[in-house]
Amino acid sequence: MTGRVVVLGSLNVDLVTRVPRHPRPGETVLGEGLDRLAGGKGANQAVAAAAAGATVAMVGCVGDDAGGTAYRERLGTLGVDVGAVRVVPGVPSGHAMIQVSDDGENSIVVVPGANAQLDEREVAAVDDLGAGDVLLLQLEVPLRVVCVAARRAATRGARVVLNIAPYAALPPDVVALADPVVVNEHEMQALAESGARPGSVLVTFGGNGASWDGVTAPADVVDPADVVDTTGAGDAFCGTLAAALVRGEDREAALAAALSAGAEAVRRAGAQPHPYL
């Protein structure tokens, strides 16, 4: 029987504008348009896992504002179980201010909001995980919650997939539980310098594909002219990877599916399909 993907992580309202280029320090550039989109690494990955056919539950927090209400409703319509998405009174939902340049590159400032309120109530949501399930984690929520959730899930026999992004040092025992730790080249360097030893490590190389402990796969070819927005490509990769693993696919097949999802993500605006809130 196929297990579930449980994603513990962030939900953000993304405010996105396009700029001809990113400003230098102290410089002002004019943006074109302002879109309100669904984002946050956790929710992005949950949506990607559901789109890849997995049974998915989201664990996180939103504020009691219009953005939080709309986000919970949106995830439900996309097939993600939001029973463990807690509404925090008097706190705004998480937001991200995103600038996307003409060449598709982005710069992002994240304001955690309700994401910073995750606590033991969210950790308790992983207690019913078991063998065959995958817990997918990132680091846009309190690290203490990530650590406790990873330990509990592993104790119950679930597979822990840890996307160390944005990079932060974690206790070695937590890193060791992850199979795999997913990092890009820069995060891999920081991880190596930390001395922590993952259960396995999967490194993404953007347009040059990915490698998982010696199993390598090329990225799908994307014409530079087709690159619309790189926001969320890594999240599409991680969510699709988790869906493949919960189906029992091997490393080569899981990598191929994840790379294909990442390539598709850069061809559209926003971190999720049909992303408007």
C-alpha atoms as a PDB file:
ATOM      1  CA  MET A   1       0.000   0.000   0.000  1.00  0.00           C
ATOM      2  CA  THR A   2       1.362   3.435  -0.957  1.00  0.00           C
ATOM      3  CA  GLY A   3       2.140   5.724   1.947  1.00  0.00           C
ATOM      4  CA  ARG A   4       1.690   9.459   2.391  1.00  0.00           C
ATOM      5  CA  VAL A   5       3.869  12.511   1.986  1.00  0.00           C
ATOM      6  CA  VAL A   6       3.585  14.780   5.014  1.00  0.00           C
ATOM      7  CA  VAL A   7       5.145  18.196   4.491  1.00  0.00           C
ATOM      8  CA  LEU A   8       6.020  20.240   7.567  1.00  0.00           C
ATOM      9  CA  GLY A   9       6.993  23.724   6.524  1.00  0.00           C
ATOM     10  CA  SER A  10       6.150  27.260   5.514  1.00  0.00           C
ATOM     11  CA  LEU A  11       3.201  28.850   3.771  1.00  0.00           C
ATOM     12  CA  ASN A  12       3.829  32.336   2.348  1.00  0.00           C
ATOM     13  CA  VAL A  13       1.906  34.901   0.391  1.00  0.00           C
ATOM     14  CA  ASP A  14       4.355  35.948  -2.344  1.00  0.00           C
ATOM     15  CA  LEU A  15       4.281  39.548  -3.551  1.00  0.00           C
ATOM     16  CA  VAL A  16       6.020  39.496  -6.924  1.00  0.00           C
ATOM     17  CA  THR A  17       7.182  42.261  -9.228  1.00  0.00           C
ATOM     18  CA  ARG A  18       9.282  42.108 -12.384  1.00  0.00           C
ATOM     19  CA  VAL A  19      12.401  44.264 -12.749  1.00  0.00           C
ATOM     20  CA  PRO A  20      14.729  44.757 -15.715  1.00  0.00           C
ATOM     21  CA  ARG A  21      17.630  43.834 -13.420  1.00  0.00           C
ATOM     22  CA  HIS A  22      18.251  43.480  -9.699  1.00  0.00           C
ATOM     23  CA  PRO A  23      19.229  46.705  -7.940  1.00  0.00           C
ATOM     24  CA  ARG A  24      22.698  47.287  -6.579  1.00  0.00           C
ATOM     25  CA  PRO A  25      22.995  48.277  -2.888  1.00  0.00           C
ATOM     26  CA  GLY A  26      21.439  51.712  -2.402  1.00  0.00           C
ATOM     27  CA  GLU A  27      19.885  51.734  -5.868  1.00  0.00           C
ATOM     28  CA  THR A  28      16.205  51.987  -6.772  1.00  0.00           C
ATOM     29  CA  VAL A  29      14.744  50.310  -9.854  1.00  0.00           C
ATOM     30  CA  LEU A  30      11.152  50.399 -11.054  1.00  0.00           C
ATOM     31  CA  GLY A  31       9.095  47.213 -10.899  1.00  0.00           C
ATOM     32  CA  GLU A  32       6.373  46.260 -13.318  1.00  0.00           C
ATOM     33  CA  GLY A  33       3.143  44.934 -11.817  1.00  0.00           C
ATOM     34  CA  LEU A  34       2.511  43.382  -8.407  1.00  0.00           C
ATOM     35  CA  ASP A  35       1.064  39.874  -8.188  1.00  0.00           C
ATOM     36  CA  ARG A  36      -0.110  38.074  -5.055  1.00  0.00           C
ATOM     37  CA  LEU A  37       0.848  34.443  -5.387  1.00  0.00           C
ATOM     38  CA  ALA A  38       0.907  31.303  -3.261  1.00  0.00           C
ATOM     39  CA  GLY A  39       4.393  30.437  -2.017  1.00  0.00           C
ATOM     40  CA  GLY A  40       6.514  29.226   0.877  1.00  0.00           C
ATOM     41  CA  LYS A  41       8.833  26.252   0.523  1.00  0.00           C
ATOM     42  CA  GLY A  42       6.620  23.908   2.500  1.00  0.00           C
ATOM     43  CA  ALA A  43       3.392  24.591   0.624  1.00  0.00           C
ATOM     44  CA  ASN A  44       5.208  24.707  -2.717  1.00  0.00           C
ATOM     45  CA  GLN A  45       6.565  21.233  -2.078  1.00  0.00           C
ATOM     46  CA  ALA A  46       3.209  19.937  -0.874  1.00  0.00           C
ATOM     47  CA  VAL A  47       1.493  21.144  -4.047  1.00  0.00           C
ATOM     48  CA  ALA A  48       4.223  19.580  -6.192  1.00  0.00           C
ATOM     49  CA  ALA A  49       3.907  16.245  -4.383  1.00  0.00           C
ATOM     50  CA  ALA A  50       0.133  16.254  -4.845  1.00  0.00           C
ATOM     51  CA  ALA A  51       0.504  17.149  -8.529  1.00  0.00           C
ATOM     52  CA  ALA A  52       2.825  14.140  -8.856  1.00  0.00           C
ATOM     53  CA  GLY A  53       0.065  11.872  -7.563  1.00  0.00           C
ATOM     54  CA  ALA A  54       0.931  11.444  -3.894  1.00  0.00           C
ATOM     55  CA  THR A  55      -1.476  11.547  -0.960  1.00  0.00           C
ATOM     56  CA  VAL A  56      -0.281  14.702   0.800  1.00  0.00           C
ATOM     57  CA  ALA A  57      -0.878  16.415   4.142  1.00  0.00           C
ATOM     58  CA  MET A  58       0.433  19.901   4.962  1.00  0.00           C
ATOM     59  CA  VAL A  59       1.561  20.805   8.482  1.00  0.00           C
ATOM     60  CA  GLY A  60       2.115  24.487   9.230  1.00  0.00           C
ATOM     61  CA  CYS A  61       0.618  27.799  10.326  1.00  0.00           C
ATOM     62  CA  VAL A  62      -1.140  30.744   8.705  1.00  0.00           C
ATOM     63  CA  GLY A  63      -2.467  33.969  10.173  1.00  0.00           C
ATOM     64  CA  ASP A  64      -6.115  34.820  10.669  1.00  0.00           C
ATOM     65  CA  ASP A  65      -5.990  37.173   7.689  1.00  0.00           C
ATOM     66  CA  ALA A  66      -7.423  37.018   4.194  1.00  0.00           C
ATOM     67  CA  GLY A  67      -4.228  35.565   2.786  1.00  0.00           C
ATOM     68  CA  GLY A  68      -4.196  32.701   5.286  1.00  0.00           C
ATOM     69  CA  THR A  69      -7.849  31.866   4.713  1.00  0.00           C
ATOM     70  CA  ALA A  70      -7.397  31.880   0.948  1.00  0.00           C
ATOM     71  CA  TYR A  71      -4.304  29.718   1.215  1.00  0.00           C
ATOM     72  CA  ARG A  72      -5.952  26.959   3.249  1.00  0.00           C
ATOM     73  CA  GLU A  73      -8.865  26.875   0.811  1.00  0.00           C
ATOM     74  CA  ARG A  74      -6.511  26.796  -2.163  1.00  0.00           C
ATOM     75  CA  LEU A  75      -4.516  23.835  -0.839  1.00  0.00           C
ATOM     76  CA  GLY A  76      -7.696  21.915  -0.194  1.00  0.00           C
ATOM     77  CA  THR A  77      -8.844  22.377  -3.779  1.00  0.00           C
ATOM     78  CA  LEU A  78      -5.458  21.049  -4.949  1.00  0.00           C
ATOM     79  CA  GLY A  79      -5.906  17.821  -3.007  1.00  0.00           C
ATOM     80  CA  VAL A  80      -3.691  18.660  -0.019  1.00  0.00           C
ATOM     81  CA  ASP A  81      -5.048  17.768   3.433  1.00  0.00           C
ATOM     82  CA  VAL A  82      -4.952  20.993   5.507  1.00  0.00           C
ATOM     83  CA  GLY A  83      -6.289  19.566   8.764  1.00  0.00           C
ATOM     84  CA  ALA A  84      -2.906  20.255  10.409  1.00  0.00           C
ATOM     85  CA  VAL A  85      -2.556  23.825   9.089  1.00  0.00           C
ATOM     86  CA  ARG A  86      -3.203  25.881  12.228  1.00  0.00           C
ATOM     87  CA  VAL A  87      -4.671  29.389  12.108  1.00  0.00           C
ATOM     88  CA  VAL A  88      -2.814  31.687  14.531  1.00  0.00           C
ATOM     89  CA  PRO A  89      -4.990  34.566  15.828  1.00  0.00           C
ATOM     90  CA  GLY A  90      -3.559  38.070  15.697  1.00  0.00           C
ATOM     91  CA  VAL A  91      -0.521  37.123  13.607  1.00  0.00           C
ATOM     92  CA  PRO A  92      -0.123  37.841   9.881  1.00  0.00           C
ATOM     93  CA  SER A  93       0.515  35.004   7.459  1.00  0.00           C
ATOM     94  CA  GLY A  94       4.067  34.657   6.201  1.00  0.00           C
ATOM     95  CA  HIS A  95       4.992  36.853   3.247  1.00  0.00           C
ATOM     96  CA  ALA A  96       7.790  36.945   0.704  1.00  0.00           C
ATOM     97  CA  MET A  97       8.792  39.939  -1.401  1.00  0.00           C
ATOM     98  CA  ILE A  98      10.150  38.662  -4.706  1.00  0.00           C
ATOM     99  CA  GLN A  99      11.854  40.492  -7.538  1.00  0.00           C
ATOM    100  CA  VAL A 100      12.119  38.627 -10.847  1.00  0.00           C
ATOM    101  CA  SER A 101      14.521  40.022 -13.434  1.00  0.00           C
ATOM    102  CA  ASP A 102      14.179  39.862 -17.216  1.00  0.00           C
ATOM    103  CA  ASP A 103      16.548  36.869 -17.355  1.00  0.00           C
ATOM    104  CA  GLY A 104      14.311  34.911 -14.934  1.00  0.00           C
ATOM    105  CA  GLU A 105      16.532  35.160 -11.861  1.00  0.00           C
ATOM    106  CA  ASN A 106      14.942  36.094  -8.547  1.00  0.00           C
ATOM    107  CA  SER A 107      15.818  37.715  -5.239  1.00  0.00           C
ATOM    108  CA  ILE A 108      13.613  37.090  -2.212  1.00  0.00           C
ATOM    109  CA  VAL A 109      13.046  38.596   1.231  1.00  0.00           C
ATOM    110  CA  VAL A 110      10.941  36.384   3.533  1.00  0.00           C
ATOM    111  CA  VAL A 111       8.926  37.726   6.492  1.00  0.00           C
ATOM    112  CA  PRO A 112       8.052  34.593   8.522  1.00  0.00           C
ATOM    113  CA  GLY A 113       4.846  35.806  10.212  1.00  0.00           C
ATOM    114  CA  ALA A 114       2.775  32.811  11.345  1.00  0.00           C
ATOM    115  CA  ASN A 115       5.468  30.401  10.128  1.00  0.00           C
ATOM    116  CA  ALA A 116       7.501  31.383  13.195  1.00  0.00           C
ATOM    117  CA  GLN A 117       4.695  30.114  15.453  1.00  0.00           C
ATOM    118  CA  LEU A 118       5.115  26.389  14.733  1.00  0.00           C
ATOM    119  CA  ASP A 119       5.485  24.477  17.998  1.00  0.00           C
ATOM    120  CA  GLU A 120       4.732  21.127  19.625  1.00  0.00           C
ATOM    121  CA  ARG A 121       1.198  21.171  18.205  1.00  0.00           C
ATOM    122  CA  GLU A 122       2.655  20.856  14.709  1.00  0.00           C
ATOM    123  CA  VAL A 123       5.168  18.214  15.778  1.00  0.00           C
ATOM    124  CA  ALA A 124       2.286  16.116  17.105  1.00  0.00           C
ATOM    125  CA  ALA A 125       0.917  15.918  13.558  1.00  0.00           C
ATOM    126  CA  VAL A 126       3.740  13.548  12.572  1.00  0.00           C
ATOM    127  CA  ASP A 127       2.977  11.057  15.331  1.00  0.00           C
ATOM    128  CA  ASP A 128       0.839   8.846  13.104  1.00  0.00           C
ATOM    129  CA  LEU A 129       3.537   8.452  10.448  1.00  0.00           C
ATOM    130  CA  GLY A 130       4.914   4.992   9.857  1.00  0.00           C
ATOM    131  CA  ALA A 131       6.826   2.776   7.468  1.00  0.00           C
ATOM    132  CA  GLY A 132       6.073   3.699   3.867  1.00  0.00           C
ATOM    133  CA  ASP A 133       5.436   7.370   4.683  1.00  0.00           C
ATOM    134  CA  VAL A 134       7.734  10.297   3.861  1.00  0.00           C
ATOM    135  CA  LEU A 135       8.216  13.388   6.022  1.00  0.00           C
ATOM    136  CA  LEU A 136       9.456  16.278   3.880  1.00  0.00           C
ATOM    137  CA  LEU A 137      11.128  19.182   5.707  1.00  0.00           C
ATOM    138  CA  GLN A 138      12.736  22.532   4.856  1.00  0.00           C
ATOM    139  CA  LEU A 139      14.162  25.329   7.024  1.00  0.00           C
ATOM    140  CA  GLU A 140      11.779  28.285   6.735  1.00  0.00           C
ATOM    141  CA  VAL A 141      10.170  27.368  10.073  1.00  0.00           C
ATOM    142  CA  PRO A 142      11.679  27.126  13.600  1.00  0.00           C
ATOM    143  CA  LEU A 143      14.616  24.749  13.529  1.00  0.00           C
ATOM    144  CA  ARG A 144      13.716  23.188  16.880  1.00  0.00           C
ATOM    145  CA  VAL A 145      10.410  22.033  15.369  1.00  0.00           C
ATOM    146  CA  VAL A 146      12.176  20.589  12.327  1.00  0.00           C
ATOM    147  CA  CYS A 147      14.580  18.670  14.558  1.00  0.00           C
ATOM    148  CA  VAL A 148      11.939  17.190  16.855  1.00  0.00           C
ATOM    149  CA  ALA A 149       9.704  16.259  13.917  1.00  0.00           C
ATOM    150  CA  ALA A 150      12.555  14.514  12.099  1.00  0.00           C
ATOM    151  CA  ARG A 151      13.467  12.497  15.174  1.00  0.00           C
ATOM    152  CA  ARG A 152       9.876  11.446  15.879  1.00  0.00           C
ATOM    153  CA  ALA A 153       9.195  10.486  12.263  1.00  0.00           C
ATOM    154  CA  ALA A 154      12.360   8.393  12.060  1.00  0.00           C
ATOM    155  CA  THR A 155      11.503   6.647  15.338  1.00  0.00           C
ATOM    156  CA  ARG A 156       8.162   5.648  13.804  1.00  0.00           C
ATOM    157  CA  GLY A 157       9.818   4.197  10.710  1.00  0.00           C
ATOM    158  CA  ALA A 158       9.005   6.999   8.261  1.00  0.00           C
ATOM    159  CA  ARG A 159      11.523   8.200   5.703  1.00  0.00           C
ATOM    160  CA  VAL A 160      12.846  11.711   6.362  1.00  0.00           C
ATOM    161  CA  VAL A 161      13.674  13.901   3.357  1.00  0.00           C
ATOM    162  CA  LEU A 162      15.397  17.111   4.445  1.00  0.00           C
ATOM    163  CA  ASN A 163      15.834  20.075   2.113  1.00  0.00           C
ATOM    164  CA  ILE A 164      18.421  22.208   3.923  1.00  0.00           C
ATOM    165  CA  ALA A 165      17.181  25.498   2.479  1.00  0.00           C
ATOM    166  CA  PRO A 166      17.704  28.227   3.393  1.00  0.00           C
ATOM    167  CA  TYR A 167      20.907  26.756   4.826  1.00  0.00           C
ATOM    168  CA  ALA A 168      21.254  26.498   8.591  1.00  0.00           C
ATOM    169  CA  ALA A 169      23.376  24.249  10.769  1.00  0.00           C
ATOM    170  CA  LEU A 170      21.398  21.377  12.274  1.00  0.00           C
ATOM    171  CA  PRO A 171      22.388  18.851  14.948  1.00  0.00           C
ATOM    172  CA  PRO A 172      24.424  16.009  13.414  1.00  0.00           C
ATOM    173  CA  ASP A 173      21.931  13.386  14.588  1.00  0.00           C
ATOM    174  CA  VAL A 174      19.112  15.101  12.665  1.00  0.00           C
ATOM    175  CA  VAL A 175      21.165  15.348   9.482  1.00  0.00           C
ATOM    176  CA  ALA A 176      22.081  11.672   9.846  1.00  0.00           C
ATOM    177  CA  LEU A 177      18.382  10.705   9.818  1.00  0.00           C
ATOM    178  CA  ALA A 178      17.755  12.191   6.356  1.00  0.00           C
ATOM    179  CA  ASP A 179      17.637   9.940   3.289  1.00  0.00           C
ATOM    180  CA  PRO A 180      18.322  12.119   1.425  1.00  0.00           C
ATOM    181  CA  VAL A 181      19.435  15.562   2.458  1.00  0.00           C
ATOM    182  CA  VAL A 182      18.701  17.718  -0.613  1.00  0.00           C
ATOM    183  CA  VAL A 183      21.076  20.639  -1.214  1.00  0.00           C
ATOM    184  CA  ASN A 184      22.313  22.817  -4.038  1.00  0.00           C
ATOM    185  CA  GLU A 185      26.035  23.347  -4.660  1.00  0.00           C
ATOM    186  CA  HIS A 186      26.369  26.237  -2.215  1.00  0.00           C
ATOM    187  CA  GLU A 187      24.439  24.441   0.512  1.00  0.00           C
ATOM    188  CA  MET A 188      26.523  21.316  -0.096  1.00  0.00           C
ATOM    189  CA  GLN A 189      29.695  23.267   0.631  1.00  0.00           C
ATOM    190  CA  ALA A 190      28.269  24.573   3.892  1.00  0.00           C
ATOM    191  CA  LEU A 191      27.051  21.101   4.849  1.00  0.00           C
ATOM    192  CA  ALA A 192      30.478  19.607   4.180  1.00  0.00           C
ATOM    193  CA  GLU A 193      32.134  22.267   6.322  1.00  0.00           C
ATOM    194  CA  SER A 194      29.714  21.526   9.186  1.00  0.00           C
ATOM    195  CA  GLY A 195      31.036  17.981   9.507  1.00  0.00           C
ATOM    196  CA  ALA A 196      27.525  16.490   9.693  1.00  0.00           C
ATOM    197  CA  ARG A 197      27.027  13.199   7.859  1.00  0.00           C
ATOM    198  CA  PRO A 198      23.660  12.682   6.106  1.00  0.00           C
ATOM    199  CA  GLY A 199      22.126   9.274   5.614  1.00  0.00           C
ATOM    200  CA  SER A 200      22.504  10.147   1.932  1.00  0.00           C
ATOM    201  CA  VAL A 201      23.011  13.398   0.052  1.00  0.00           C
ATOM    202  CA  LEU A 202      21.371  14.614  -3.143  1.00  0.00           C
ATOM    203  CA  VAL A 203      22.999  17.631  -4.797  1.00  0.00           C
ATOM    204  CA  THR A 204      21.205  19.671  -7.448  1.00  0.00           C
ATOM    205  CA  PHE A 205      23.217  21.539 -10.090  1.00  0.00           C
ATOM    206  CA  GLY A 206      20.533  23.639 -11.764  1.00  0.00           C
ATOM    207  CA  GLY A 207      20.700  23.130 -15.508  1.00  0.00           C
ATOM    208  CA  ASN A 208      23.416  20.498 -15.056  1.00  0.00           C
ATOM    209  CA  GLY A 209      21.183  17.926 -13.389  1.00  0.00           C
ATOM    210  CA  ALA A 210      21.605  16.243 -10.011  1.00  0.00           C
ATOM    211  CA  SER A 211      23.593  13.557  -8.238  1.00  0.00           C
ATOM    212  CA  TRP A 212      22.510  11.288  -5.401  1.00  0.00           C
ATOM    213  CA  ASP A 213      25.459   9.462  -3.829  1.00  0.00           C
ATOM    214  CA  GLY A 214      26.894   8.525  -7.208  1.00  0.00           C
ATOM    215  CA  VAL A 215      23.616   8.150  -9.108  1.00  0.00           C
ATOM    216  CA  THR A 216      23.574  11.034 -11.571  1.00  0.00           C
ATOM    217  CA  ALA A 217      20.916  12.320 -13.943  1.00  0.00           C
ATOM    218  CA  PRO A 218      20.964  15.133 -16.511  1.00  0.00           C
ATOM    219  CA  ALA A 219      18.491  17.990 -16.301  1.00  0.00           C
ATOM    220  CA  ASP A 220      15.783  18.332 -18.911  1.00  0.00           C
ATOM    221  CA  VAL A 221      16.967  20.806 -21.546  1.00  0.00           C
ATOM    222  CA  VAL A 222      15.245  24.181 -21.237  1.00  0.00           C
ATOM    223  CA  ASP A 223      15.810  26.836 -23.890  1.00  0.00           C
ATOM    224  CA  PRO A 224      16.925  30.040 -22.103  1.00  0.00           C
ATOM    225  CA  ALA A 225      14.231  31.872 -24.063  1.00  0.00           C
ATOM    226  CA  ASP A 226      11.621  29.686 -22.335  1.00  0.00           C
ATOM    227  CA  VAL A 227      12.770  30.533 -18.788  1.00  0.00           C
ATOM    228  CA  VAL A 228      10.033  32.654 -17.224  1.00  0.00           C
ATOM    229  CA  ASP A 229      10.748  32.417 -13.479  1.00  0.00           C
ATOM    230  CA  THR A 230      13.122  30.231 -11.463  1.00  0.00           C
ATOM    231  CA  THR A 231      11.132  30.769  -8.239  1.00  0.00           C
ATOM    232  CA  GLY A 232      10.080  27.432  -6.789  1.00  0.00           C
ATOM    233  CA  ALA A 233      11.971  25.180  -9.202  1.00  0.00           C
ATOM    234  CA  GLY A 234      13.827  23.572  -6.305  1.00  0.00           C
ATOM    235  CA  ASP A 235      10.555  23.090  -4.439  1.00  0.00           C
ATOM    236  CA  ALA A 236       8.960  21.407  -7.459  1.00  0.00           C
ATOM    237  CA  PHE A 237      12.008  19.117  -7.503  1.00  0.00           C
ATOM    238  CA  CYS A 238      11.712  18.214  -3.804  1.00  0.00           C
ATOM    239  CA  GLY A 239       7.962  17.647  -3.787  1.00  0.00           C
ATOM    240  CA  THR A 240       8.081  15.448  -6.866  1.00  0.00           C
ATOM    241  CA  LEU A 241      11.048  13.543  -5.427  1.00  0.00           C
ATOM    242  CA  ALA A 242       9.079  12.790  -2.256  1.00  0.00           C
ATOM    243  CA  ALA A 243       6.105  11.588  -4.296  1.00  0.00           C
ATOM    244  CA  ALA A 244       8.360   9.246  -6.270  1.00  0.00           C
ATOM    245  CA  LEU A 245       9.949   7.868  -3.108  1.00  0.00           C
ATOM    246  CA  VAL A 246       6.616   7.190  -1.422  1.00  0.00           C
ATOM    247  CA  ARG A 247       5.684   5.158  -4.530  1.00  0.00           C
ATOM    248  CA  GLY A 248       8.821   3.095  -3.994  1.00  0.00           C
ATOM    249  CA  GLU A 249      10.734   4.292  -7.064  1.00  0.00           C
ATOM    250  CA  ASP A 250      14.510   3.857  -7.115  1.00  0.00           C
ATOM    251  CA  ARG A 251      16.980   6.735  -7.067  1.00  0.00           C
ATOM    252  CA  GLU A 252      17.385   6.956 -10.831  1.00  0.00           C
ATOM    253  CA  ALA A 253      13.645   7.104 -11.514  1.00  0.00           C
ATOM    254  CA  ALA A 254      13.008   9.519  -8.630  1.00  0.00           C
ATOM    255  CA  LEU A 255      15.748  11.850  -9.876  1.00  0.00           C
ATOM    256  CA  ALA A 256      14.397  11.824 -13.415  1.00  0.00           C
ATOM    257  CA  ALA A 257      10.877  12.702 -12.238  1.00  0.00           C
ATOM    258  CA  ALA A 258      12.135  15.464  -9.936  1.00  0.00           C
ATOM    259  CA  LEU A 259      14.357  17.023 -12.597  1.00  0.00           C
ATOM    260  CA  SER A 260      11.504  17.021 -15.088  1.00  0.00           C
ATOM    261  CA  ALA A 261       9.274  18.839 -12.573  1.00  0.00           C
ATOM    262  CA  GLY A 262      11.981  21.404 -11.877  1.00  0.00           C
ATOM    263  CA  ALA A 263      12.425  22.086 -15.587  1.00  0.00           C
ATOM    264  CA  GLU A 264       8.700  22.541 -16.050  1.00  0.00           C
ATOM    265  CA  ALA A 265       8.553  24.958 -13.112  1.00  0.00           C
ATOM    266  CA  VAL A 266      10.935  27.490 -14.687  1.00  0.00           C
ATOM    267  CA  ARG A 267       8.662  27.763 -17.728  1.00  0.00           C
ATOM    268  CA  ARG A 268       5.852  29.388 -15.721  1.00  0.00           C
ATOM    269  CA  ALA A 269       5.425  32.368 -13.413  1.00  0.00           C
ATOM    270  CA  GLY A 270       5.218  31.760  -9.682  1.00  0.00           C
ATOM    271  CA  ALA A 271       6.287  28.939  -7.418  1.00  0.00           C
ATOM    272  CA  GLN A 272       3.117  26.844  -7.988  1.00  0.00           C
ATOM    273  CA  PRO A 273       0.901  26.036 -10.970  1.00  0.00           C
ATOM    274  CA  HIS A 274      -1.945  28.569 -11.335  1.00  0.00           C
ATOM    275  CA  PRO A 275      -0.475  30.380  -8.335  1.00  0.00           C
ATOM    276  CA  TYR A 276      -2.733  33.384  -7.810  1.00  0.00           C
ATOM    277  CA  LEU A 277      -4.318  33.856  -4.380  1.00  0.00           C
END
